[in-house]
Amino acid sequence: MRRVWLRGARADAGMTTSEYAVGTIAACALAAMLYKVVTSGPVVGALQSLIGRALNAQF
């Protein structure tokens, strides 16, 4: 009985090629969305302002 359970568990361990493909496409889509957000005008302005204030900080 235990041997049958172990054999079944090993047969379903890991992802198939199609699951890797879907995961890769989803990761690329998320990266593209984040890139668009980070390179948008308001975000670039906010980052430049933040870096400028950090570099000009009085100690």
N, C-alpha and C. Protein backbone atom coordinates (compact mmCIF):
# COMPACT_ATOMS: atom_id res chain seq x y z
N MET A 1 0.84 -1.19 0.00
CA MET A 1 0.00 0.00 0.00
C MET A 1 0.88 1.25 0.00
N ARG A 2 1.89 1.28 0.86
CA ARG A 2 2.76 2.45 0.94
C ARG A 2 3.54 2.64 -0.36
N ARG A 3 3.96 1.57 -0.98
CA ARG A 3 4.72 1.65 -2.22
C ARG A 3 3.88 2.28 -3.33
N VAL A 4 2.61 1.98 -3.39
CA VAL A 4 1.72 2.55 -4.40
C VAL A 4 1.59 4.06 -4.18
N TRP A 5 1.47 4.49 -2.96
CA TRP A 5 1.34 5.92 -2.64
C TRP A 5 2.61 6.66 -3.03
N LEU A 6 3.78 6.12 -2.74
CA LEU A 6 5.04 6.77 -3.08
C LEU A 6 5.22 6.87 -4.59
N ARG A 7 4.84 5.84 -5.29
CA ARG A 7 4.97 5.85 -6.75
C ARG A 7 4.06 6.93 -7.35
N GLY A 8 2.87 7.08 -6.83
CA GLY A 8 1.95 8.11 -7.30
C GLY A 8 2.43 9.51 -6.96
N ALA A 9 3.06 9.68 -5.82
CA ALA A 9 3.57 10.99 -5.42
C ALA A 9 4.74 11.41 -6.30
N ARG A 10 5.60 10.49 -6.66
CA ARG A 10 6.73 10.82 -7.51
C ARG A 10 6.30 11.14 -8.93
N ALA A 11 5.24 10.57 -9.39
CA ALA A 11 4.80 10.77 -10.76
C ALA A 11 4.28 12.19 -10.97
N ASP A 12 3.83 12.87 -9.91
CA ASP A 12 3.23 14.19 -10.06
C ASP A 12 4.10 15.29 -9.44
N ALA A 13 5.37 15.01 -9.23
CA ALA A 13 6.26 15.99 -8.62
C ALA A 13 6.87 16.87 -9.71
N GLY A 14 6.71 18.19 -9.59
CA GLY A 14 7.32 19.10 -10.56
C GLY A 14 6.32 19.61 -11.57
N MET A 15 6.77 20.62 -12.32
CA MET A 15 5.90 21.22 -13.32
C MET A 15 6.20 20.64 -14.70
N THR A 16 5.21 20.69 -15.54
CA THR A 16 5.40 20.25 -16.91
C THR A 16 5.89 21.42 -17.76
N THR A 17 6.27 21.14 -18.97
CA THR A 17 6.80 22.17 -19.86
C THR A 17 5.77 23.27 -20.12
N SER A 18 4.52 22.91 -20.29
CA SER A 18 3.50 23.93 -20.54
C SER A 18 3.31 24.83 -19.31
N GLU A 19 3.44 24.28 -18.12
CA GLU A 19 3.33 25.11 -16.92
C GLU A 19 4.51 26.08 -16.82
N TYR A 20 5.70 25.62 -17.20
CA TYR A 20 6.85 26.52 -17.23
C TYR A 20 6.64 27.63 -18.25
N ALA A 21 6.08 27.30 -19.41
CA ALA A 21 5.83 28.31 -20.45
C ALA A 21 4.83 29.35 -19.97
N VAL A 22 3.75 28.93 -19.34
CA VAL A 22 2.75 29.87 -18.84
C VAL A 22 3.35 30.72 -17.73
N GLY A 23 4.14 30.13 -16.85
CA GLY A 23 4.78 30.88 -15.78
C GLY A 23 5.77 31.90 -16.32
N THR A 24 6.51 31.54 -17.35
CA THR A 24 7.46 32.46 -17.96
C THR A 24 6.74 33.62 -18.63
N ILE A 25 5.67 33.35 -19.33
CA ILE A 25 4.90 34.42 -19.98
C ILE A 25 4.29 35.35 -18.94
N ALA A 26 3.79 34.79 -17.85
CA ALA A 26 3.22 35.62 -16.79
C ALA A 26 4.30 36.50 -16.14
N ALA A 27 5.48 35.95 -15.92
CA ALA A 27 6.57 36.72 -15.33
C ALA A 27 7.00 37.84 -16.27
N CYS A 28 7.06 37.57 -17.55
CA CYS A 28 7.43 38.60 -18.53
C CYS A 28 6.37 39.70 -18.59
N ALA A 29 5.12 39.34 -18.53
CA ALA A 29 4.04 40.34 -18.55
C ALA A 29 4.11 41.22 -17.31
N LEU A 30 4.36 40.63 -16.16
CA LEU A 30 4.49 41.40 -14.92
C LEU A 30 5.69 42.34 -15.00
N ALA A 31 6.81 41.86 -15.53
CA ALA A 31 7.99 42.70 -15.67
C ALA A 31 7.72 43.87 -16.61
N ALA A 32 7.00 43.63 -17.70
CA ALA A 32 6.68 44.70 -18.65
C ALA A 32 5.78 45.75 -18.00
N MET A 33 4.80 45.31 -17.21
CA MET A 33 3.93 46.26 -16.53
C MET A 33 4.70 47.09 -15.51
N LEU A 34 5.58 46.45 -14.74
CA LEU A 34 6.37 47.19 -13.77
C LEU A 34 7.31 48.18 -14.45
N TYR A 35 7.87 47.81 -15.58
CA TYR A 35 8.75 48.71 -16.32
C TYR A 35 7.98 49.94 -16.79
N LYS A 36 6.77 49.73 -17.30
CA LYS A 36 5.95 50.86 -17.75
C LYS A 36 5.61 51.78 -16.58
N VAL A 37 5.31 51.23 -15.43
CA VAL A 37 4.97 52.04 -14.27
C VAL A 37 6.18 52.83 -13.80
N VAL A 38 7.33 52.16 -13.70
CA VAL A 38 8.53 52.82 -13.17
C VAL A 38 9.05 53.88 -14.12
N THR A 39 8.86 53.71 -15.42
CA THR A 39 9.37 54.69 -16.38
C THR A 39 8.32 55.74 -16.74
N SER A 40 7.17 55.75 -16.09
CA SER A 40 6.16 56.77 -16.36
C SER A 40 6.61 58.10 -15.77
N GLY A 41 6.09 59.17 -16.30
CA GLY A 41 6.49 60.52 -15.89
C GLY A 41 6.39 60.80 -14.40
N PRO A 42 5.25 60.58 -13.79
CA PRO A 42 5.12 60.89 -12.36
C PRO A 42 6.09 60.09 -11.48
N VAL A 43 6.29 58.84 -11.80
CA VAL A 43 7.18 58.01 -10.98
C VAL A 43 8.62 58.45 -11.16
N VAL A 44 9.02 58.75 -12.40
CA VAL A 44 10.39 59.22 -12.65
C VAL A 44 10.62 60.53 -11.91
N GLY A 45 9.66 61.43 -11.96
CA GLY A 45 9.78 62.70 -11.24
C GLY A 45 9.91 62.50 -9.74
N ALA A 46 9.11 61.61 -9.19
CA ALA A 46 9.16 61.34 -7.75
C ALA A 46 10.51 60.72 -7.36
N LEU A 47 11.01 59.81 -8.17
CA LEU A 47 12.30 59.20 -7.87
C LEU A 47 13.43 60.22 -7.96
N GLN A 48 13.38 61.09 -8.98
CA GLN A 48 14.41 62.12 -9.10
C GLN A 48 14.36 63.08 -7.92
N SER A 49 13.18 63.43 -7.49
CA SER A 49 13.02 64.31 -6.34
C SER A 49 13.57 63.65 -5.07
N LEU A 50 13.25 62.41 -4.89
CA LEU A 50 13.71 61.66 -3.71
C LEU A 50 15.24 61.57 -3.70
N ILE A 51 15.83 61.25 -4.83
CA ILE A 51 17.29 61.13 -4.91
C ILE A 51 17.93 62.51 -4.71
N GLY A 52 17.33 63.53 -5.30
CA GLY A 52 17.87 64.88 -5.13
C GLY A 52 17.84 65.32 -3.68
N ARG A 53 16.74 65.05 -2.97
CA ARG A 53 16.66 65.42 -1.55
C ARG A 53 17.65 64.61 -0.72
N ALA A 54 17.86 63.35 -1.09
CA ALA A 54 18.81 62.52 -0.34
C ALA A 54 20.24 63.02 -0.54
N LEU A 55 20.58 63.44 -1.76
CA LEU A 55 21.93 63.93 -2.02
C LEU A 55 22.19 65.31 -1.41
N ASN A 56 21.16 66.09 -1.23
CA ASN A 56 21.31 67.43 -0.68
C ASN A 56 20.97 67.52 0.80
N ALA A 57 20.91 66.41 1.47
CA ALA A 57 20.54 66.38 2.89
C ALA A 57 21.63 67.03 3.73
N GLN A 58 21.19 67.79 4.72
CA GLN A 58 22.11 68.45 5.64
C GLN A 58 22.39 67.52 6.82
N PHE A 59 23.64 67.35 7.16
CA PHE A 59 24.02 66.50 8.28
C PHE A 59 24.47 67.33 9.44
